[in-house]
Amino acid sequence: MKLKSRMPTAGVGSLRSAHARCMKEADGSLLGIALALVAIALLGCTGNIEPGPDERPPIDPGEAVVPTERNPIGPAELDDARRIRRLTADQLFASLEVATGQRWSDAETFAGSLGRADYVEVTDEGRELSVTFDKLAGDAARATCRAAIDADRAAEGDRVLLRDIDFAERDDAALAGNVQYLLLRFLGERVTDDEDPRLAPWMRVLTLRAEDATEPLTDLEMARRWEAVCIGLATHPDFLTY
C-alpha cells in the first residue's frame, strides 16, 4: 500500500501570493532607483553646480592664457654630468701654453692653490670655481699673454698671436681676420663673417679711440691692445670651464 503525500492546496496558494508580493516590491524598488539616477543625471547636465576644488572653469578662447607659476630656482645639487667644471691646475697651464705658446713661470708655485692634489694631504683635484682660482687664472693669463706679445714683436716670422699680420696693421678687415683666428685658437669658435657680432667686443678693443685723438696709434699701443684681447680670451668662461 503506497502512501501519497499531497501538499495542501491552501499552502501552495499562500506561497504564490507571497512570491507575487515580493516581485512587485522588487519592481517598485528598481523603478525608484532608476528614477533617482535619471534625476541626478539631469541635475548634472542642467543644474548650477560650482566647480570642485580640483576642477577648473572653462577658459574663454578670447582671453589670454596665463601660464602656471613655476619655481625659478632649480635643485641645489646637480648631477655630475650637468655641473660646470673649471680646468684643473695642470689643464690650465697646458691650455695657456698651447694658446699663447708660453709657459707660466709661476705655475709650480701656485699649483697647489689652484687645486692640484699632492696625494699626501689632498687626494682630489680641485675643480670648483672660487675667488682664488679667478685671481690666479687672471695672473697666469696676463703673464703669458704679455710674454706672447713680446715674443711676437721680436719674431721675424712664425708669430703665435699675430699670425698673418704685424703690429703696424690698421686695416679693419685685416684686424678682424686675426681676431677670427684667435677666437678659433682660444675658444674653438669658427667665425668666418666679418659682420659676426662675436667680433664686435674684440674689435672695439683694437680700434676704439678718444674723440679728440688726432695722432695715429703707435705699434707699441697696438701691441698692448692685442695683449688685452689675449687676456680677455684667456680669462673667458669658455676657455676656463667645460
Protein backbone atom coordinates (compact mmCIF):
# COMPACT_ATOMS: atom_id res chain seq x y z
CA MET A 1 0.00 0.00 0.00
CA LYS A 2 1.58 3.28 -1.15
CA LEU A 3 1.09 6.48 0.73
CA LYS A 4 0.74 9.61 -1.40
CA SER A 5 1.79 12.89 0.12
CA ARG A 6 -0.06 15.86 -1.14
CA MET A 7 0.72 19.48 -0.39
CA PRO A 8 -2.28 21.24 0.91
CA THR A 9 -3.90 23.46 -1.68
CA ALA A 10 -4.14 26.34 0.72
CA GLY A 11 -0.32 26.20 1.35
CA VAL A 12 0.54 26.44 -2.35
CA GLY A 13 -1.69 29.42 -2.80
CA SER A 14 -0.07 31.22 0.11
CA LEU A 15 3.40 30.70 -1.38
CA ARG A 16 2.34 32.04 -4.75
CA SER A 17 0.83 35.13 -3.16
CA ALA A 18 3.96 35.81 -1.14
CA HIS A 19 6.13 35.43 -4.26
CA ALA A 20 3.98 37.85 -6.20
CA ARG A 21 4.18 40.44 -3.44
CA CYS A 22 7.99 40.14 -3.33
CA MET A 23 8.30 40.58 -7.09
CA LYS A 24 6.03 43.61 -7.00
CA GLU A 25 8.02 45.22 -4.22
CA ALA A 26 11.32 44.49 -6.04
CA ASP A 27 9.98 46.02 -9.24
CA GLY A 28 8.99 49.11 -7.28
CA SER A 29 12.44 49.41 -5.69
CA LEU A 30 14.24 49.08 -9.04
CA LEU A 31 11.94 51.64 -10.57
CA GLY A 32 12.70 54.06 -7.73
CA ILE A 33 16.46 53.60 -8.12
CA ALA A 34 16.24 54.15 -11.87
CA LEU A 35 14.23 57.34 -11.40
CA ALA A 36 16.75 58.62 -8.86
CA LEU A 37 19.67 58.02 -11.25
CA VAL A 38 17.86 59.83 -14.06
CA ALA A 39 17.20 62.80 -11.76
CA ILE A 40 20.87 63.00 -10.77
CA ALA A 41 21.96 62.88 -14.41
CA LEU A 42 19.55 65.67 -15.35
CA LEU A 43 20.74 67.78 -12.43
CA GLY A 44 24.39 67.36 -13.54
CA CYS A 45 23.50 68.48 -17.07
CA THR A 46 21.31 71.46 -16.27
CA GLY A 47 21.93 72.33 -12.64
CA ASN A 48 24.15 75.17 -11.44
CA ILE A 49 26.89 73.16 -9.76
CA GLU A 50 30.02 75.02 -8.57
CA PRO A 51 33.36 73.51 -9.67
CA GLY A 52 35.06 71.37 -7.10
CA PRO A 53 38.50 72.14 -5.67
CA ASP A 54 40.24 70.10 -8.38
CA GLU A 55 38.14 71.40 -11.26
CA ARG A 56 38.80 74.49 -13.36
CA PRO A 57 36.16 76.66 -15.01
CA PRO A 58 36.15 76.63 -18.82
CA ILE A 59 38.60 79.05 -20.48
CA ASP A 60 37.26 81.78 -22.70
CA PRO A 61 39.02 81.45 -26.11
CA GLY A 62 39.25 85.24 -26.29
CA GLU A 63 41.20 85.53 -23.05
CA ALA A 64 44.95 85.14 -22.81
CA VAL A 65 46.09 82.03 -21.05
CA VAL A 66 48.29 82.88 -18.07
CA PRO A 67 50.96 80.20 -17.58
CA THR A 68 51.11 78.47 -14.25
CA GLU A 69 53.74 79.94 -11.97
CA ARG A 70 56.82 77.79 -11.57
CA ASN A 71 59.63 77.92 -9.11
CA PRO A 72 62.56 79.53 -10.97
CA ILE A 73 65.10 78.10 -8.57
CA GLY A 74 66.30 74.68 -9.59
CA PRO A 75 67.72 71.98 -7.37
CA ALA A 76 70.77 73.00 -5.37
CA GLU A 77 72.67 69.83 -6.22
CA LEU A 78 73.17 68.99 -9.90
CA ASP A 79 74.25 65.73 -11.42
CA ASP A 80 77.96 65.48 -12.18
CA ALA A 81 77.23 65.41 -15.90
CA ARG A 82 75.33 68.73 -15.69
CA ARG A 83 77.69 70.58 -13.39
CA ILE A 84 80.03 73.19 -14.91
CA ARG A 85 83.62 72.34 -14.11
CA ARG A 86 86.67 74.53 -14.42
CA LEU A 87 90.06 73.44 -15.62
CA THR A 88 92.35 71.75 -13.17
CA ALA A 89 95.70 73.39 -12.43
CA ASP A 90 97.57 71.26 -14.97
CA GLN A 91 94.84 71.70 -17.58
CA LEU A 92 95.02 75.48 -17.14
CA PHE A 93 98.80 75.55 -17.52
CA ALA A 94 98.68 73.32 -20.60
CA SER A 95 95.84 75.28 -22.22
CA LEU A 96 97.64 78.60 -21.77
CA GLU A 97 100.83 77.14 -23.20
CA VAL A 98 99.01 75.80 -26.26
CA ALA A 99 97.06 79.02 -26.84
CA THR A 100 99.83 81.55 -26.18
CA GLY A 101 102.96 79.49 -26.75
CA GLN A 102 104.20 80.48 -23.27
CA ARG A 103 104.51 78.55 -20.01
CA TRP A 104 103.51 80.48 -16.87
CA SER A 105 106.70 80.90 -14.82
CA ASP A 106 104.80 80.72 -11.51
CA ALA A 107 102.84 77.58 -12.42
CA GLU A 108 104.54 75.28 -9.93
CA THR A 109 104.44 77.91 -7.19
CA PHE A 110 100.66 78.27 -7.29
CA ALA A 111 99.65 74.80 -8.50
CA GLY A 112 98.55 73.77 -5.01
CA SER A 113 96.46 76.92 -4.58
CA LEU A 114 94.78 76.12 -7.91
CA GLY A 115 93.76 72.71 -6.60
CA ARG A 116 96.47 70.33 -7.70
CA ALA A 117 96.45 67.22 -5.50
CA ASP A 118 99.65 66.42 -3.61
CA TYR A 119 98.39 62.93 -2.62
CA VAL A 120 99.63 63.49 0.93
CA GLU A 121 97.01 65.82 2.35
CA VAL A 122 94.92 66.41 -0.79
CA THR A 123 93.93 63.49 -2.99
CA ASP A 124 91.25 65.06 -5.19
CA GLU A 125 91.92 67.58 -7.95
CA GLY A 126 90.22 70.91 -7.27
CA ARG A 127 87.55 71.70 -9.86
CA GLU A 128 85.38 74.24 -8.06
CA LEU A 129 85.22 77.86 -9.15
CA SER A 130 86.49 80.21 -6.46
CA VAL A 131 87.91 83.67 -5.91
CA THR A 132 91.38 82.16 -5.64
CA PHE A 133 91.05 80.41 -8.98
CA ASP A 134 89.73 83.57 -10.65
CA LYS A 135 92.61 85.66 -9.31
CA LEU A 136 95.38 83.20 -10.18
CA ALA A 137 93.90 82.39 -13.61
CA GLY A 138 93.94 86.13 -14.33
CA ASP A 139 97.55 86.42 -13.20
CA ALA A 140 98.53 83.50 -15.40
CA ALA A 141 96.69 84.98 -18.41
CA ARG A 142 98.33 88.39 -18.02
CA ALA A 143 101.80 86.91 -17.67
CA THR A 144 101.57 84.51 -20.60
CA CYS A 145 99.80 86.99 -22.91
CA ARG A 146 102.43 89.67 -22.28
CA ALA A 147 105.21 87.15 -22.90
CA ALA A 148 103.47 86.02 -26.12
CA ILE A 149 103.09 89.57 -27.43
CA ASP A 150 106.71 90.40 -26.61
CA ALA A 151 107.81 87.21 -28.41
CA ASP A 152 105.70 88.11 -31.46
CA ARG A 153 107.17 91.62 -31.55
CA ALA A 154 110.69 90.19 -31.51
CA ALA A 155 109.99 87.47 -34.06
CA GLU A 156 110.67 87.99 -37.73
CA GLY A 157 108.12 85.37 -38.68
CA ASP A 158 106.06 82.48 -37.35
CA ARG A 159 104.22 84.61 -34.81
CA VAL A 160 101.79 82.91 -32.45
CA LEU A 161 99.12 85.53 -31.76
CA LEU A 162 99.51 87.74 -34.82
CA ARG A 163 99.76 85.01 -37.42
CA ASP A 164 99.23 86.82 -40.73
CA ILE A 165 99.66 90.50 -39.75
CA ASP A 166 102.15 92.60 -37.82
CA PHE A 167 101.74 95.32 -35.21
CA ALA A 168 101.71 98.05 -37.85
CA GLU A 169 98.44 96.75 -39.32
CA ARG A 170 95.50 99.16 -39.01
CA ASP A 171 93.05 97.88 -41.65
CA ASP A 172 89.79 96.77 -40.04
CA ALA A 173 89.35 93.75 -42.32
CA ALA A 174 92.86 92.50 -41.55
CA LEU A 175 92.36 93.06 -37.82
CA ALA A 176 89.04 91.19 -37.93
CA GLY A 177 90.71 88.28 -39.74
CA ASN A 178 93.26 87.90 -36.94
CA VAL A 179 90.53 88.12 -34.28
CA GLN A 180 88.73 85.28 -36.06
CA TYR A 181 91.92 83.25 -35.86
CA LEU A 182 92.26 83.96 -32.11
CA LEU A 183 88.63 83.03 -31.41
CA LEU A 184 89.27 79.66 -33.02
CA ARG A 185 92.60 79.23 -31.22
CA PHE A 186 91.37 80.09 -27.73
CA LEU A 187 87.64 79.25 -27.69
CA GLY A 188 87.17 76.87 -30.59
CA GLU A 189 84.68 79.25 -32.23
CA ARG A 190 84.87 79.28 -36.02
CA VAL A 191 83.86 82.74 -37.26
CA THR A 192 84.04 83.46 -41.00
CA ASP A 193 81.91 86.60 -41.38
CA ASP A 194 83.46 89.99 -40.62
CA GLU A 195 80.00 91.20 -39.55
CA ASP A 196 79.57 88.44 -36.99
CA PRO A 197 78.54 90.05 -33.64
CA ARG A 198 81.04 87.88 -31.77
CA LEU A 199 83.82 90.00 -33.26
CA ALA A 200 82.40 93.32 -32.07
CA PRO A 201 83.79 93.49 -28.48
CA TRP A 202 87.28 92.49 -29.55
CA MET A 203 87.29 94.91 -32.47
CA ARG A 204 86.34 97.73 -30.13
CA VAL A 205 89.41 96.97 -28.01
CA LEU A 206 91.58 97.24 -31.11
CA THR A 207 90.04 100.26 -32.83
CA LEU A 208 88.31 102.47 -30.23
CA ARG A 209 89.86 105.91 -29.99
CA ALA A 210 89.17 109.00 -27.93
CA GLU A 211 87.06 111.60 -29.71
CA ASP A 212 89.82 114.21 -29.53
CA ALA A 213 92.60 111.83 -30.59
CA THR A 214 94.50 113.07 -33.61
CA GLU A 215 97.74 111.09 -33.57
CA PRO A 216 97.72 107.59 -35.07
CA LEU A 217 98.22 104.60 -32.80
CA THR A 218 101.81 103.53 -32.38
CA ASP A 219 102.91 99.93 -32.79
CA LEU A 220 103.52 99.72 -29.03
CA GLU A 221 99.95 100.86 -28.34
CA MET A 222 98.63 98.26 -30.77
CA ALA A 223 100.76 95.64 -29.04
CA ARG A 224 99.15 96.49 -25.71
CA ARG A 225 95.71 96.29 -27.32
CA TRP A 226 96.44 92.86 -28.73
CA GLU A 227 97.66 91.87 -25.30
CA ALA A 228 94.31 92.96 -23.84
CA VAL A 229 92.47 90.84 -26.44
CA CYS A 230 94.64 87.86 -25.48
CA ILE A 231 93.93 88.34 -21.77
CA GLY A 232 90.20 88.64 -22.42
CA LEU A 233 90.17 85.38 -24.37
CA ALA A 234 92.37 83.56 -21.82
CA THR A 235 90.01 84.53 -18.97
CA HIS A 236 86.81 83.90 -20.91
CA PRO A 237 84.44 81.38 -19.24
CA ASP A 238 84.50 79.24 -22.38
CA PHE A 239 88.28 78.94 -22.03
CA LEU A 240 88.37 78.20 -18.30
CA THR A 241 85.37 75.85 -17.98
CA TYR A 242 83.82 72.86 -19.67
